[in-house]
């Protein structure tokens, strides 16, 4: 990792602290911008890193030279607005936390601004960079592709209803949180070419739906299915089938394997040292962003615009 790269980190909350830890370890030059005095003070105490107060708007007014790269790790409802401010200020390389925005029209606004400014904007889906994911990709390549896959994005509603989250985030929880699982599954097996979706039920924190199921065919020719029930027990998981193996991500940070002709399931040993030292996947995600490598592993804002349309179909249970 080059230490000649300048990075602007916007956000001093939980994810800001996680990104700070990675940036510090990678030896790059960076500065941190936060909004409130309280959050900045807490950030400084926990990270021993100086944070500039006043928010990104005030910072842009006084900054004489902007860093080449920026990471946006603010609250979900502010992701798009902060990214737009940075784009309009002339920042050319931006990594914004998932899902990049709250609504599809916001994603479109960021896409348009990035195209106008000839900038690159990526959305932070760190699970694509797990050690378990990278090991699975090796096996999938060796087995000559995925033949089918299944994923579950059940959320723990009994916990979510107690979180101090804005209504806009709770109402769009599938995009804000569950899309982590959807993105990983489709990254491994291919995004849908055809998909039939069904949804129903409701919970007190998400009245538009709580039970989801569907199936389809991916662009890579793999058949897939998914399910979720936010009013029942369950957990996130992904299963990927090849001609020779069944791969289990349950939890997503681990990888287990079943060989053809066997009922035995074994957990694979993987080199997950970085995933144990830092928030899983984040170190390699930031590394790829700053070094502009592994293009196919990153989610562009243009990709996310198309993916949001898929998530809308899953959310609404639309049939095609």
Protein backbone atom coordinates (compact mmCIF):
# COMPACT_ATOMS: atom_id res chain seq x y z
CA UNK A 1 0.00 0.00 0.00
CA UNK A 2 1.38 3.37 -1.02
CA UNK A 3 1.61 5.97 1.72
CA UNK A 4 1.38 8.79 -0.85
CA UNK A 5 -2.41 8.53 -1.09
CA UNK A 6 -4.52 11.23 0.58
CA UNK A 7 -7.91 10.15 1.94
CA UNK A 8 -10.83 12.06 3.43
CA UNK A 9 -12.88 9.99 5.87
CA UNK A 10 -16.33 11.46 6.52
CA UNK A 11 -18.08 10.08 9.59
CA UNK A 12 -17.09 9.46 13.20
CA UNK A 13 -19.66 6.80 14.16
CA UNK A 14 -19.19 3.04 14.32
CA UNK A 15 -18.17 2.58 10.69
CA UNK A 16 -15.99 5.68 10.78
CA UNK A 17 -14.01 4.07 13.60
CA UNK A 18 -13.70 0.82 11.65
CA UNK A 19 -12.45 2.61 8.53
CA UNK A 20 -10.08 4.68 10.66
CA UNK A 21 -8.51 1.53 12.04
CA UNK A 22 -7.91 0.19 8.52
CA UNK A 23 -6.56 3.46 7.12
CA UNK A 24 -4.17 3.85 10.03
CA UNK A 25 -2.84 0.31 9.53
CA UNK A 26 -2.35 0.83 5.79
CA UNK A 27 -0.12 3.84 6.36
CA UNK A 28 -1.96 6.30 4.12
CA UNK A 29 -2.29 10.01 4.77
CA UNK A 30 -5.86 10.84 5.79
CA UNK A 31 -8.03 13.25 7.71
CA UNK A 32 -11.35 12.67 9.46
CA UNK A 33 -14.37 14.95 9.38
CA UNK A 34 -17.26 14.61 11.81
CA UNK A 35 -20.30 16.69 12.63
CA UNK A 36 -21.10 17.02 16.32
CA UNK A 37 -18.66 17.91 19.07
CA UNK A 38 -19.87 14.97 21.13
CA UNK A 39 -19.28 12.35 18.42
CA UNK A 40 -15.92 13.82 17.42
CA UNK A 41 -14.74 13.85 21.02
CA UNK A 42 -15.80 10.25 21.51
CA UNK A 43 -14.13 9.27 18.23
CA UNK A 44 -10.85 10.91 19.26
CA UNK A 45 -10.88 9.24 22.65
CA UNK A 46 -11.46 5.76 21.18
CA UNK A 47 -9.17 6.02 18.14
CA UNK A 48 -6.49 8.54 19.19
CA UNK A 49 -7.10 10.25 15.85
CA UNK A 50 -7.98 13.93 15.41
CA UNK A 51 -11.42 14.70 13.95
CA UNK A 52 -12.38 17.98 12.32
CA UNK A 53 -15.67 19.35 13.67
CA UNK A 54 -18.56 20.97 11.85
CA UNK A 55 -19.48 18.45 9.17
CA UNK A 56 -18.52 18.07 5.54
CA UNK A 57 -20.27 21.27 4.42
CA UNK A 58 -18.07 23.43 6.64
CA UNK A 59 -14.96 21.44 5.77
CA UNK A 60 -15.48 22.01 2.05
CA UNK A 61 -15.75 25.75 2.65
CA UNK A 62 -12.31 25.96 4.26
CA UNK A 63 -10.37 23.19 2.47
CA UNK A 64 -7.84 24.63 0.06
CA UNK A 65 -6.99 21.24 -1.51
CA UNK A 66 -9.22 18.18 -1.42
CA UNK A 67 -7.83 14.65 -0.99
CA UNK A 68 -7.78 12.38 -4.02
CA UNK A 69 -9.95 9.77 -2.30
CA UNK A 70 -12.92 9.96 0.08
CA UNK A 71 -14.74 7.39 2.20
CA UNK A 72 -18.31 8.22 3.22
CA UNK A 73 -19.29 6.50 6.48
CA UNK A 74 -22.12 8.73 7.73
CA UNK A 75 -25.63 7.67 8.77
CA UNK A 76 -27.70 5.93 6.12
CA UNK A 77 -30.09 8.78 5.37
CA UNK A 78 -27.14 11.11 4.67
CA UNK A 79 -25.05 8.84 2.42
CA UNK A 80 -26.31 10.24 -0.88
CA UNK A 81 -26.23 13.91 0.14
CA UNK A 82 -22.65 13.71 1.42
CA UNK A 83 -21.52 11.82 -1.69
CA UNK A 84 -23.12 14.47 -3.90
CA UNK A 85 -21.36 17.25 -1.98
CA UNK A 86 -18.01 15.53 -2.51
CA UNK A 87 -18.65 14.92 -6.20
CA UNK A 88 -19.67 18.51 -6.81
CA UNK A 89 -16.56 19.65 -4.94
CA UNK A 90 -14.40 17.68 -7.37
CA UNK A 91 -13.45 14.49 -5.48
CA UNK A 92 -12.86 11.83 -8.16
CA UNK A 93 -12.72 8.58 -6.13
CA UNK A 94 -15.37 7.83 -3.50
CA UNK A 95 -16.21 4.73 -1.46
CA UNK A 96 -19.63 5.12 0.15
CA UNK A 97 -21.01 2.75 2.75
CA UNK A 98 -23.79 0.42 1.64
CA UNK A 99 -26.39 0.81 0.36
CA UNK A 100 -25.14 4.14 -1.01
CA UNK A 101 -28.51 5.87 -0.57
CA UNK A 102 -31.94 5.28 0.91
CA UNK A 103 -34.01 5.47 -2.27
CA UNK A 104 -33.58 4.63 -5.96
CA UNK A 105 -33.93 8.25 -7.08
CA UNK A 106 -31.01 9.19 -4.81
CA UNK A 107 -28.85 6.49 -6.39
CA UNK A 108 -29.76 7.93 -9.80
CA UNK A 109 -28.72 11.42 -8.67
CA UNK A 110 -25.33 10.10 -7.55
CA UNK A 111 -24.92 8.19 -10.83
CA UNK A 112 -25.65 11.31 -12.84
CA UNK A 113 -23.29 13.45 -10.76
CA UNK A 114 -20.48 10.87 -11.02
CA UNK A 115 -20.87 10.72 -14.80
CA UNK A 116 -20.92 14.51 -15.07
CA UNK A 117 -17.80 14.90 -12.92
CA UNK A 118 -16.06 11.88 -14.53
CA UNK A 119 -15.66 10.38 -11.07
CA UNK A 120 -15.67 6.83 -9.72
CA UNK A 121 -18.08 5.95 -6.91
CA UNK A 122 -18.10 2.53 -5.26
CA UNK A 123 -20.54 1.09 -2.71
CA UNK A 124 -19.07 -0.70 0.30
CA UNK A 125 -20.22 -4.33 0.31
CA UNK A 126 -17.42 -5.71 2.46
CA UNK A 127 -18.69 -9.30 2.41
CA UNK A 128 -17.41 -9.63 -1.14
CA UNK A 129 -13.93 -9.34 0.39
CA UNK A 130 -14.27 -11.92 3.19
CA UNK A 131 -11.60 -14.60 3.29
CA UNK A 132 -14.47 -17.11 3.08
CA UNK A 133 -15.71 -15.46 -0.12
CA UNK A 134 -12.29 -15.45 -1.74
CA UNK A 135 -11.77 -19.13 -0.90
CA UNK A 136 -15.19 -19.96 -2.34
CA UNK A 137 -14.33 -18.13 -5.55
CA UNK A 138 -11.25 -20.35 -5.92
CA UNK A 139 -13.35 -23.51 -5.54
CA UNK A 140 -16.05 -22.24 -7.90
CA UNK A 141 -13.43 -21.50 -10.54
CA UNK A 142 -11.85 -24.92 -10.09
CA UNK A 143 -15.29 -26.56 -10.42
CA UNK A 144 -16.05 -24.51 -13.54
CA UNK A 145 -18.88 -22.43 -12.15
CA UNK A 146 -21.99 -22.38 -10.00
CA UNK A 147 -24.95 -24.57 -11.01
CA UNK A 148 -27.40 -23.36 -8.34
CA UNK A 149 -27.54 -21.34 -5.13
CA UNK A 150 -29.86 -20.47 -2.27
CA UNK A 151 -29.75 -17.68 0.30
CA UNK A 152 -31.66 -16.55 3.37
CA UNK A 153 -31.80 -13.00 4.69
CA UNK A 154 -33.95 -13.47 7.77
CA UNK A 155 -33.53 -10.50 10.13
CA UNK A 156 -33.83 -10.55 13.91
CA UNK A 157 -36.91 -8.37 14.22
CA UNK A 158 -37.01 -8.66 18.01
CA UNK A 159 -33.72 -6.76 18.11
CA UNK A 160 -34.28 -4.40 15.20
CA UNK A 161 -37.43 -2.92 16.72
CA UNK A 162 -35.35 -1.75 19.70
CA UNK A 163 -32.73 0.02 17.60
CA UNK A 164 -32.60 3.80 17.52
CA UNK A 165 -32.95 4.05 13.75
CA UNK A 166 -34.86 6.63 11.66
CA UNK A 167 -38.15 5.46 10.17
CA UNK A 168 -36.71 5.91 6.66
CA UNK A 169 -34.03 3.29 7.44
CA UNK A 170 -36.45 0.83 9.03
CA UNK A 171 -38.86 1.21 6.12
CA UNK A 172 -36.05 0.37 3.67
CA UNK A 173 -34.33 -2.26 5.80
CA UNK A 174 -33.98 -4.74 2.95
CA UNK A 175 -31.79 -2.24 1.07
CA UNK A 176 -30.05 -0.87 4.15
CA UNK A 177 -29.10 -4.23 5.66
CA UNK A 178 -30.42 -7.41 4.00
CA UNK A 179 -28.87 -6.40 0.68
CA UNK A 180 -25.54 -7.56 2.14
CA UNK A 181 -26.71 -11.17 1.76
CA UNK A 182 -28.42 -10.65 -1.59
CA UNK A 183 -25.34 -8.98 -3.02
CA UNK A 184 -23.00 -11.73 -1.82
CA UNK A 185 -25.20 -14.51 -3.21
CA UNK A 186 -25.63 -12.82 -6.58
CA UNK A 187 -21.93 -11.94 -6.70
CA UNK A 188 -21.07 -15.63 -6.39
CA UNK A 189 -23.76 -17.12 -8.59
CA UNK A 190 -24.70 -14.30 -10.95
CA UNK A 191 -27.29 -11.55 -10.81
CA UNK A 192 -30.80 -12.47 -12.00
CA UNK A 193 -31.71 -12.78 -15.64
CA UNK A 194 -35.23 -13.86 -14.66
CA UNK A 195 -36.79 -13.76 -11.19
CA UNK A 196 -40.18 -14.44 -9.61
CA UNK A 197 -40.76 -12.82 -6.23
CA UNK A 198 -43.38 -13.12 -3.50
CA UNK A 199 -43.75 -11.18 -0.25
CA UNK A 200 -46.26 -11.01 2.59
CA UNK A 201 -46.75 -10.50 6.30
CA UNK A 202 -45.83 -7.50 8.38
CA UNK A 203 -44.10 -6.60 11.62
CA UNK A 204 -44.57 -3.51 13.74
CA UNK A 205 -41.31 -1.93 12.56
CA UNK A 206 -41.75 -2.86 8.87
CA UNK A 207 -45.41 -2.93 7.86
CA UNK A 208 -44.84 -3.36 4.13
CA UNK A 209 -43.65 -6.96 4.51
CA UNK A 210 -41.82 -9.50 6.64
CA UNK A 211 -41.82 -12.76 4.66
CA UNK A 212 -40.01 -13.08 1.34
CA UNK A 213 -39.46 -15.92 -1.07
CA UNK A 214 -38.57 -16.25 -4.71
CA UNK A 215 -36.55 -17.99 -7.40
CA UNK A 216 -35.01 -17.43 -10.77
CA UNK A 217 -32.18 -17.93 -13.23
CA UNK A 218 -28.97 -15.95 -13.00
CA UNK A 219 -27.10 -14.32 -15.86
CA UNK A 220 -24.56 -17.13 -15.49
CA UNK A 221 -27.24 -19.78 -16.02
CA UNK A 222 -27.45 -20.89 -12.37
CA UNK A 223 -30.85 -21.58 -10.84
CA UNK A 224 -31.40 -19.85 -7.50
CA UNK A 225 -33.92 -19.43 -4.70
CA UNK A 226 -34.18 -17.29 -1.58
CA UNK A 227 -36.30 -16.90 1.53
CA UNK A 228 -36.59 -14.75 4.64
CA UNK A 229 -39.00 -14.48 7.54
CA UNK A 230 -38.47 -11.47 9.80
CA UNK A 231 -41.13 -12.71 12.24
CA UNK A 232 -39.53 -16.13 12.83
CA UNK A 233 -36.18 -17.54 13.97
CA UNK A 234 -33.41 -17.72 11.42
CA UNK A 235 -30.13 -16.19 10.29
CA UNK A 236 -28.28 -15.00 7.23
CA UNK A 237 -26.86 -17.78 5.07
CA UNK A 238 -25.73 -18.58 1.54
CA UNK A 239 -25.39 -22.02 -0.07
CA UNK A 240 -23.64 -22.44 -3.40
CA UNK A 241 -23.68 -25.64 -5.45
CA UNK A 242 -21.17 -26.69 -8.11
CA UNK A 243 -20.74 -29.96 -9.97
CA UNK A 244 -18.41 -31.20 -7.24
CA UNK A 245 -19.23 -29.34 -4.03
CA UNK A 246 -21.82 -27.63 -1.87
CA UNK A 247 -20.44 -24.55 -0.14
CA UNK A 248 -22.03 -23.23 3.05
CA UNK A 249 -21.69 -19.67 4.38
CA UNK A 250 -23.39 -19.96 7.77
CA UNK A 251 -22.24 -17.64 9.28
CA UNK A 252 -21.02 -15.69 6.26
CA UNK A 253 -17.54 -15.26 7.74
CA UNK A 254 -17.00 -19.04 7.70
CA UNK A 255 -16.93 -21.51 4.83
CA UNK A 256 -17.94 -25.15 5.06
CA UNK A 257 -17.84 -27.69 2.24
CA UNK A 258 -19.61 -30.89 1.28
CA UNK A 259 -18.07 -33.14 -1.35
CA UNK A 260 -19.99 -34.93 -4.08
CA UNK A 261 -21.06 -38.37 -2.83
CA UNK A 262 -20.74 -37.48 0.86
CA UNK A 263 -23.11 -36.23 3.57
CA UNK A 264 -20.22 -34.96 5.68
CA UNK A 265 -19.85 -31.20 6.00
CA UNK A 266 -16.44 -29.84 7.02
CA UNK A 267 -15.42 -26.31 7.90
CA UNK A 268 -12.54 -25.22 5.70
CA UNK A 269 -9.44 -23.65 7.10
CA UNK A 270 -9.05 -20.20 5.59
CA UNK A 271 -6.52 -17.43 6.07
CA UNK A 272 -8.86 -15.01 7.83
CA UNK A 273 -6.25 -13.13 9.87
CA UNK A 274 -7.26 -9.76 8.41
CA UNK A 275 -10.94 -10.54 9.06
CA UNK A 276 -10.12 -11.14 12.71
CA UNK A 277 -7.95 -8.05 13.12
CA UNK A 278 -10.39 -5.67 11.41
CA UNK A 279 -14.06 -5.60 10.58
CA UNK A 280 -14.31 -8.62 8.24
CA UNK A 281 -13.65 -7.78 4.60
CA UNK A 282 -12.94 -4.11 5.27
CA UNK A 283 -9.15 -4.19 5.01
CA UNK A 284 -9.11 -5.72 1.53
CA UNK A 285 -12.06 -3.62 0.40
CA UNK A 286 -10.23 -0.39 1.28
CA UNK A 287 -7.01 -1.74 -0.20
CA UNK A 288 -8.75 -2.48 -3.52
CA UNK A 289 -10.42 0.93 -3.50
CA UNK A 290 -7.22 2.89 -2.90
CA UNK A 291 -5.06 0.80 -5.25
CA UNK A 292 -7.81 0.61 -7.90
CA UNK A 293 -7.48 -3.16 -8.21
CA UNK A 294 -9.96 -6.09 -8.37
CA UNK A 295 -12.43 -4.13 -10.48
CA UNK A 296 -14.86 -7.04 -10.82
CA UNK A 297 -15.06 -7.43 -7.04
CA UNK A 298 -16.26 -3.87 -6.42
CA UNK A 299 -19.78 -2.49 -6.69
CA UNK A 300 -19.97 0.71 -8.72
CA UNK A 301 -22.76 3.20 -8.13
CA UNK A 302 -23.99 2.30 -11.61
CA UNK A 303 -24.12 -1.37 -10.57
CA UNK A 304 -26.02 -0.39 -7.44
CA UNK A 305 -28.64 1.49 -9.44
CA UNK A 306 -29.49 -1.75 -11.27
CA UNK A 307 -29.24 -3.82 -8.09
CA UNK A 308 -31.66 -1.49 -6.30
CA UNK A 309 -34.27 -2.32 -8.93
CA UNK A 310 -33.83 -6.03 -8.11
CA UNK A 311 -34.13 -5.37 -4.40
CA UNK A 312 -37.33 -3.44 -5.06
CA UNK A 313 -38.78 -6.50 -6.79
CA UNK A 314 -37.82 -8.69 -3.84
CA UNK A 315 -39.30 -6.15 -1.42
CA UNK A 316 -42.56 -5.71 -3.31
CA UNK A 317 -42.94 -9.34 -4.35
CA UNK A 318 -43.35 -8.42 -7.99
CA UNK A 319 -43.78 -11.32 -10.43
CA UNK A 320 -41.98 -11.62 -13.76
